N, C-alpha and C. Protein backbone atom coordinates (compact mmCIF):
# COMPACT_ATOMS: atom_id res chain seq x y z
N GLN A 1 166.69 29.73 61.20
CA GLN A 1 167.03 28.88 62.57
C GLN A 1 167.25 30.42 63.61
N VAL A 2 166.12 30.06 64.41
CA VAL A 2 166.43 30.83 65.49
C VAL A 2 167.02 29.84 66.85
N GLN A 3 168.38 30.72 67.09
CA GLN A 3 169.10 30.15 68.66
C GLN A 3 169.05 31.18 69.59
N LEU A 4 168.81 30.72 70.71
CA LEU A 4 169.07 31.55 72.14
C LEU A 4 170.54 30.93 72.58
N MET A 5 171.39 32.06 73.46
CA MET A 5 172.09 31.39 74.18
C MET A 5 172.60 31.89 75.16
N GLU A 6 172.19 31.12 76.44
CA GLU A 6 173.03 32.30 77.68
C GLU A 6 173.86 31.34 77.76
N SER A 7 173.87 32.36 79.23
CA SER A 7 175.01 32.73 79.81
C SER A 7 175.17 33.31 81.17
N GLY A 8 176.62 33.75 81.82
CA GLY A 8 176.74 34.37 83.34
C GLY A 8 175.92 33.28 84.81
N GLY A 9 175.85 32.08 84.94
CA GLY A 9 175.59 31.74 85.55
C GLY A 9 176.45 31.04 85.84
N GLY A 10 175.80 30.57 87.32
CA GLY A 10 176.51 30.26 88.51
C GLY A 10 176.91 30.34 89.90
N SER A 11 177.59 30.26 90.72
CA SER A 11 177.22 30.27 92.32
C SER A 11 177.52 30.84 93.30
N VAL A 12 176.59 32.04 93.93
CA VAL A 12 177.05 32.58 94.78
C VAL A 12 176.06 32.14 96.26
N GLN A 13 177.12 33.30 96.43
CA GLN A 13 176.57 33.55 98.83
C GLN A 13 174.95 33.87 98.56
N ALA A 14 173.91 34.01 99.30
CA ALA A 14 172.70 34.82 99.16
C ALA A 14 173.51 35.90 99.57
N GLY A 15 172.61 36.91 99.02
CA GLY A 15 172.92 37.88 98.73
C GLY A 15 173.72 39.17 97.68
N GLY A 16 174.42 38.15 97.07
CA GLY A 16 174.90 38.36 95.75
C GLY A 16 174.42 38.26 94.47
N SER A 17 175.11 38.70 93.23
CA SER A 17 174.40 38.79 92.46
C SER A 17 174.90 38.56 90.74
N LEU A 18 174.28 37.95 90.56
CA LEU A 18 174.81 37.52 88.99
C LEU A 18 173.85 38.35 87.81
N ARG A 19 174.80 38.14 86.56
CA ARG A 19 174.16 39.02 84.96
C ARG A 19 173.74 38.21 84.14
N LEU A 20 172.63 37.91 84.12
CA LEU A 20 172.28 36.62 82.73
C LEU A 20 172.29 36.88 81.45
N SER A 21 173.06 36.79 80.42
CA SER A 21 172.99 36.88 79.43
C SER A 21 172.01 36.18 78.57
N CYS A 22 171.24 36.48 77.24
CA CYS A 22 171.04 35.72 75.85
C CYS A 22 170.92 36.15 75.05
N ALA A 23 172.04 35.31 74.29
CA ALA A 23 172.60 36.27 71.98
C ALA A 23 172.15 35.39 71.62
N ALA A 24 170.83 36.25 71.00
CA ALA A 24 169.87 35.32 70.01
C ALA A 24 170.19 35.61 68.19
N SER A 25 169.73 34.66 67.82
CA SER A 25 170.23 34.98 66.42
C SER A 25 169.37 34.31 65.87
N GLY A 26 168.68 34.92 64.40
CA GLY A 26 167.78 33.89 63.36
C GLY A 26 166.41 34.62 63.35
N TYR A 27 167.04 35.79 64.77
CA TYR A 27 165.77 36.59 64.15
C TYR A 27 165.84 37.78 65.15
N THR A 28 165.27 38.19 64.76
CA THR A 28 165.73 40.22 65.34
C THR A 28 164.49 40.23 66.88
N ILE A 29 164.87 40.20 68.43
CA ILE A 29 164.21 40.20 69.40
C ILE A 29 163.96 41.45 68.91
N SER A 30 164.09 42.90 68.80
CA SER A 30 162.75 43.90 68.96
C SER A 30 161.20 42.95 68.11
N ASN A 31 161.74 42.59 67.40
CA ASN A 31 160.46 42.36 66.74
C ASN A 31 159.08 40.89 67.74
N ALA A 32 160.41 40.40 68.67
CA ALA A 32 159.60 39.78 69.42
C ALA A 32 159.29 40.06 70.66
N CYS A 33 158.47 39.11 71.82
CA CYS A 33 158.16 39.05 73.86
C CYS A 33 159.71 38.24 74.26
N MET A 34 159.97 38.98 75.19
CA MET A 34 161.53 38.20 74.77
C MET A 34 161.02 37.97 76.92
N GLY A 35 161.03 36.97 77.52
CA GLY A 35 161.18 36.17 78.70
C GLY A 35 162.37 35.98 79.33
N TRP A 36 162.48 35.81 80.68
CA TRP A 36 163.47 34.16 81.18
C TRP A 36 162.27 33.71 81.79
N PHE A 37 162.65 32.78 81.77
CA PHE A 37 162.21 31.54 82.96
C PHE A 37 162.89 31.04 83.36
N ARG A 38 162.36 29.98 84.89
CA ARG A 38 163.00 29.44 85.04
C ARG A 38 162.56 28.12 86.35
N GLN A 39 163.53 26.75 86.79
CA GLN A 39 162.70 25.63 86.56
C GLN A 39 163.64 25.19 87.68
N ALA A 40 163.22 24.75 88.53
CA ALA A 40 164.07 24.42 89.79
C ALA A 40 163.26 22.81 90.61
N PRO A 41 165.11 22.11 90.69
CA PRO A 41 164.45 20.88 90.29
C PRO A 41 162.72 20.68 91.26
N GLY A 42 162.26 19.72 90.58
CA GLY A 42 160.82 19.22 91.41
C GLY A 42 159.37 20.41 90.88
N ARG A 43 159.80 21.30 90.25
CA ARG A 43 159.36 21.98 90.06
C ARG A 43 158.79 22.56 88.80
N GLU A 44 157.32 23.27 87.82
CA GLU A 44 157.04 23.79 86.70
C GLU A 44 158.16 24.04 86.84
N ARG A 45 158.47 25.12 85.41
CA ARG A 45 158.97 26.17 84.81
C ARG A 45 157.75 27.30 84.83
N GLU A 46 158.11 28.89 85.27
CA GLU A 46 158.07 29.55 86.11
C GLU A 46 158.47 30.83 85.19
N GLY A 47 157.71 31.64 84.33
CA GLY A 47 158.25 33.43 83.60
C GLY A 47 158.96 33.94 85.52
N VAL A 48 159.87 34.39 85.04
CA VAL A 48 160.34 35.28 85.67
C VAL A 48 160.71 36.92 85.01
N ALA A 49 160.76 37.09 84.29
CA ALA A 49 160.71 38.48 84.00
C ALA A 49 160.56 38.93 82.60
N TYR A 50 159.77 39.91 82.34
CA TYR A 50 159.20 39.52 80.66
C TYR A 50 159.05 40.89 80.08
N ILE A 51 159.75 41.37 79.08
CA ILE A 51 159.51 42.79 77.59
C ILE A 51 158.47 41.84 77.12
N GLY A 52 157.33 43.17 76.48
CA GLY A 52 157.27 43.34 75.22
C GLY A 52 157.58 44.12 74.56
N ARG A 53 157.11 43.86 72.79
CA ARG A 53 157.57 44.71 71.89
C ARG A 53 157.65 46.17 72.80
N ASP A 54 156.83 46.40 73.45
CA ASP A 54 156.89 48.07 73.58
C ASP A 54 157.32 47.93 74.77
N GLY A 55 158.58 47.46 75.38
CA GLY A 55 159.24 48.04 76.36
C GLY A 55 158.55 47.59 77.73
N SER A 56 156.98 46.81 77.84
CA SER A 56 156.70 46.75 78.80
C SER A 56 157.47 45.83 80.14
N ARG A 57 157.51 45.85 80.68
CA ARG A 57 157.99 44.70 81.61
C ARG A 57 157.49 43.76 82.45
N ILE A 58 157.51 43.13 83.06
CA ILE A 58 156.92 42.55 84.02
C ILE A 58 157.34 41.31 85.00
N TYR A 59 157.80 41.10 86.59
CA TYR A 59 157.87 40.59 87.22
C TYR A 59 157.28 39.92 87.80
N THR A 60 158.36 38.17 87.88
CA THR A 60 157.05 37.62 89.09
C THR A 60 157.24 38.19 90.45
N ASP A 61 155.75 38.09 91.45
CA ASP A 61 156.64 38.80 92.68
C ASP A 61 157.88 39.02 93.46
N SER A 62 157.65 37.32 93.17
CA SER A 62 159.54 36.99 94.42
C SER A 62 160.28 37.18 93.64
N VAL A 63 160.34 38.01 92.64
CA VAL A 63 161.82 38.73 92.36
C VAL A 63 161.49 40.33 92.09
N LYS A 64 160.94 40.96 92.44
CA LYS A 64 160.61 42.33 91.75
C LYS A 64 161.23 42.94 92.94
N ASP A 65 161.69 44.05 92.56
CA ASP A 65 162.78 45.12 93.12
C ASP A 65 164.14 43.79 92.94
N ARG A 66 164.52 42.84 92.91
CA ARG A 66 165.85 42.41 92.54
C ARG A 66 165.76 41.86 92.00
N PHE A 67 164.86 41.84 89.98
CA PHE A 67 165.48 41.29 89.19
C PHE A 67 165.16 42.51 88.34
N THR A 68 166.04 42.62 87.34
CA THR A 68 165.95 43.48 86.44
C THR A 68 166.28 43.15 84.90
N ILE A 69 165.14 43.57 83.78
CA ILE A 69 165.44 42.24 82.61
C ILE A 69 165.65 43.65 81.81
N SER A 70 165.91 43.92 81.01
CA SER A 70 166.55 44.32 80.46
C SER A 70 167.24 43.77 78.36
N GLN A 71 166.95 44.97 77.32
CA GLN A 71 167.86 44.21 75.72
C GLN A 71 168.82 45.26 75.54
N ASP A 72 169.25 44.58 74.75
CA ASP A 72 169.94 45.25 73.47
C ASP A 72 169.56 45.11 71.85
N ASN A 73 169.22 45.94 71.79
CA ASN A 73 168.39 45.88 70.58
C ASN A 73 169.63 45.86 69.14
N GLY A 74 170.74 46.30 69.43
CA GLY A 74 171.99 45.95 68.92
C GLY A 74 172.76 44.97 68.58
N LYS A 75 172.89 44.95 69.54
CA LYS A 75 173.67 43.42 69.44
C LYS A 75 172.75 42.00 69.82
N ASN A 76 170.92 42.17 69.68
CA ASN A 76 169.85 41.42 69.64
C ASN A 76 170.14 40.74 70.67
N SER A 77 170.21 41.22 71.95
CA SER A 77 170.89 40.62 73.18
C SER A 77 170.16 40.98 74.23
N LEU A 78 169.30 39.50 75.29
CA LEU A 78 168.51 39.65 76.80
C LEU A 78 169.36 39.90 77.91
N TYR A 79 169.55 40.12 78.70
CA TYR A 79 169.65 40.80 79.77
C TYR A 79 168.71 40.15 80.87
N LEU A 80 169.66 39.64 82.54
CA LEU A 80 168.26 39.82 83.45
C LEU A 80 169.77 40.12 84.51
N GLU A 81 169.37 40.79 85.65
CA GLU A 81 170.47 41.78 86.66
C GLU A 81 169.84 41.07 87.62
N MET A 82 170.71 40.34 88.30
CA MET A 82 169.89 39.56 90.00
C MET A 82 170.49 39.87 90.77
N THR A 83 169.85 40.81 91.67
CA THR A 83 170.64 41.35 92.94
C THR A 83 170.42 39.99 94.05
N SER A 84 171.04 40.81 95.30
CA SER A 84 169.76 40.03 96.79
C SER A 84 169.70 38.89 96.42
N LEU A 85 169.97 38.03 95.86
CA LEU A 85 169.99 36.72 95.89
C LEU A 85 169.74 36.03 96.79
N LYS A 86 168.50 34.57 97.14
CA LYS A 86 168.64 33.69 97.95
C LYS A 86 168.63 32.62 96.82
N PRO A 87 168.41 31.86 98.21
CA PRO A 87 168.16 30.19 98.18
C PRO A 87 167.60 29.91 97.06
N GLU A 88 166.26 30.33 97.55
CA GLU A 88 165.32 29.76 96.90
C GLU A 88 164.64 30.02 95.22
N ASP A 89 165.69 31.54 94.85
CA ASP A 89 166.13 31.62 93.32
C ASP A 89 166.97 30.64 92.84
N THR A 90 167.79 29.88 93.16
CA THR A 90 168.39 28.95 92.50
C THR A 90 168.03 27.34 91.96
N ALA A 91 167.92 27.29 90.57
CA ALA A 91 167.20 26.82 89.17
C ALA A 91 168.59 26.98 88.35
N VAL A 92 167.45 26.36 86.88
CA VAL A 92 168.17 27.04 85.90
C VAL A 92 166.80 28.01 84.57
N TYR A 93 167.39 28.59 84.48
CA TYR A 93 167.51 30.13 84.20
C TYR A 93 167.02 29.81 82.54
N TYR A 94 166.26 29.79 82.03
CA TYR A 94 166.62 29.66 80.43
C TYR A 94 165.69 31.54 80.05
N CYS A 95 166.04 31.82 78.36
CA CYS A 95 165.93 32.52 77.96
C CYS A 95 164.75 32.03 76.86
N GLY A 96 163.79 32.80 76.26
CA GLY A 96 162.58 32.60 75.74
C GLY A 96 162.36 33.71 74.67
N LEU A 97 161.57 33.09 73.83
CA LEU A 97 161.84 34.19 72.21
C LEU A 97 159.97 34.03 72.32
N ASP A 98 159.52 34.34 72.50
CA ASP A 98 158.13 34.45 71.43
C ASP A 98 157.67 34.99 70.52
N VAL A 99 157.05 34.21 69.23
CA VAL A 99 156.42 35.02 68.12
C VAL A 99 154.99 35.40 67.89
N ARG A 100 154.23 34.96 68.77
CA ARG A 100 153.14 35.15 68.81
C ARG A 100 152.66 36.31 69.84
N VAL A 101 153.10 37.57 68.98
CA VAL A 101 152.80 38.30 69.95
C VAL A 101 151.73 39.23 70.22
N SER A 102 150.74 38.94 69.58
CA SER A 102 149.15 38.68 70.46
C SER A 102 149.01 38.80 71.78
N ARG A 103 149.03 37.25 72.13
CA ARG A 103 149.47 36.73 73.50
C ARG A 103 150.48 36.43 73.64
N CYS A 104 151.77 37.03 73.72
CA CYS A 104 153.15 36.18 75.01
C CYS A 104 152.85 36.44 75.94
N ARG A 105 152.70 37.97 75.99
CA ARG A 105 152.50 37.51 77.50
C ARG A 105 151.63 36.78 78.60
N VAL A 106 150.47 36.31 77.80
CA VAL A 106 149.60 34.94 77.85
C VAL A 106 150.74 34.08 78.82
N TYR A 107 151.49 33.87 77.67
CA TYR A 107 152.65 32.96 76.82
C TYR A 107 153.56 33.10 78.20
N TRP A 108 153.96 33.99 78.65
CA TRP A 108 155.43 33.99 79.77
C TRP A 108 154.53 33.35 81.01
N GLN A 109 153.24 34.10 81.30
CA GLN A 109 152.62 33.22 82.20
C GLN A 109 152.39 32.46 82.61
N ALA A 110 152.22 31.88 81.53
CA ALA A 110 151.86 29.75 81.44
C ALA A 110 153.77 29.40 81.63
N GLY A 111 154.66 30.51 81.48
CA GLY A 111 155.90 29.27 81.76
C GLY A 111 156.11 28.66 80.34
N ALA A 112 155.46 29.29 79.19
CA ALA A 112 155.43 29.00 77.76
C ALA A 112 156.43 30.18 76.58
N ALA A 113 156.86 29.76 76.03
CA ALA A 113 157.72 30.84 74.83
C ALA A 113 157.65 29.44 73.64
N TYR A 114 157.43 30.49 72.55
CA TYR A 114 157.81 29.46 70.98
C TYR A 114 159.56 28.99 70.76
N TYR A 115 160.71 29.72 71.74
CA TYR A 115 162.26 29.12 71.24
C TYR A 115 162.51 29.61 72.76
N TRP A 116 163.32 28.62 73.16
CA TRP A 116 164.46 28.09 73.79
C TRP A 116 165.88 28.28 74.01
N GLY A 117 166.76 28.78 75.00
CA GLY A 117 167.54 29.03 75.00
C GLY A 117 167.73 27.36 76.17
N GLN A 118 169.01 27.21 76.03
CA GLN A 118 169.04 25.80 76.29
C GLN A 118 169.97 26.09 78.26
N GLY A 119 169.65 27.63 78.59
CA GLY A 119 169.22 27.09 79.78
C GLY A 119 171.07 26.99 80.53
N THR A 120 170.44 27.61 81.81
CA THR A 120 172.50 27.81 82.73
C THR A 120 171.77 27.89 84.46
N GLN A 121 172.46 27.52 84.63
CA GLN A 121 172.40 27.15 86.19
C GLN A 121 173.37 28.46 87.11
N VAL A 122 171.90 28.40 88.02
CA VAL A 122 172.20 29.33 88.81
C VAL A 122 171.74 28.66 90.34
N THR A 123 173.23 28.99 90.93
CA THR A 123 173.01 28.37 92.65
C THR A 123 173.18 28.71 93.64
N VAL A 124 172.35 29.42 94.20
CA VAL A 124 172.37 30.85 95.38
C VAL A 124 172.31 29.19 96.74
N SER A 125 173.58 29.48 97.44
CA SER A 125 173.80 28.62 98.91
C SER A 125 173.36 30.16 100.16
N SER A 126 172.95 29.58 101.27
CA SER A 126 172.47 30.48 102.38
C SER A 126 174.18 30.05 103.06
């Protein structure tokens, strides 16, 4: 059974930083594509950052140069370092794991993943 457990969310002021973590079990993340997603109230879930099995990284335009995705295969964990946070970054952030490796980048761009965590709230105040 694949389980993803996010942590590290919270409330910060604009300009602040947070580090999200996602601990995976039941699947080796180095064999999957991993991504961070977010969903703000009234909006669809969107892909924020993606890391492929080859280590390639993609970011949605609004977070480029502010967010960094990384993974620790030894800990089977995924991370998202978020800096220079803005109020528009406020959302529930989800960790996603995709085993459909031939098309997982396409799924990430569509805001989809095969397995999801429960989400962690990030609130940025102005």
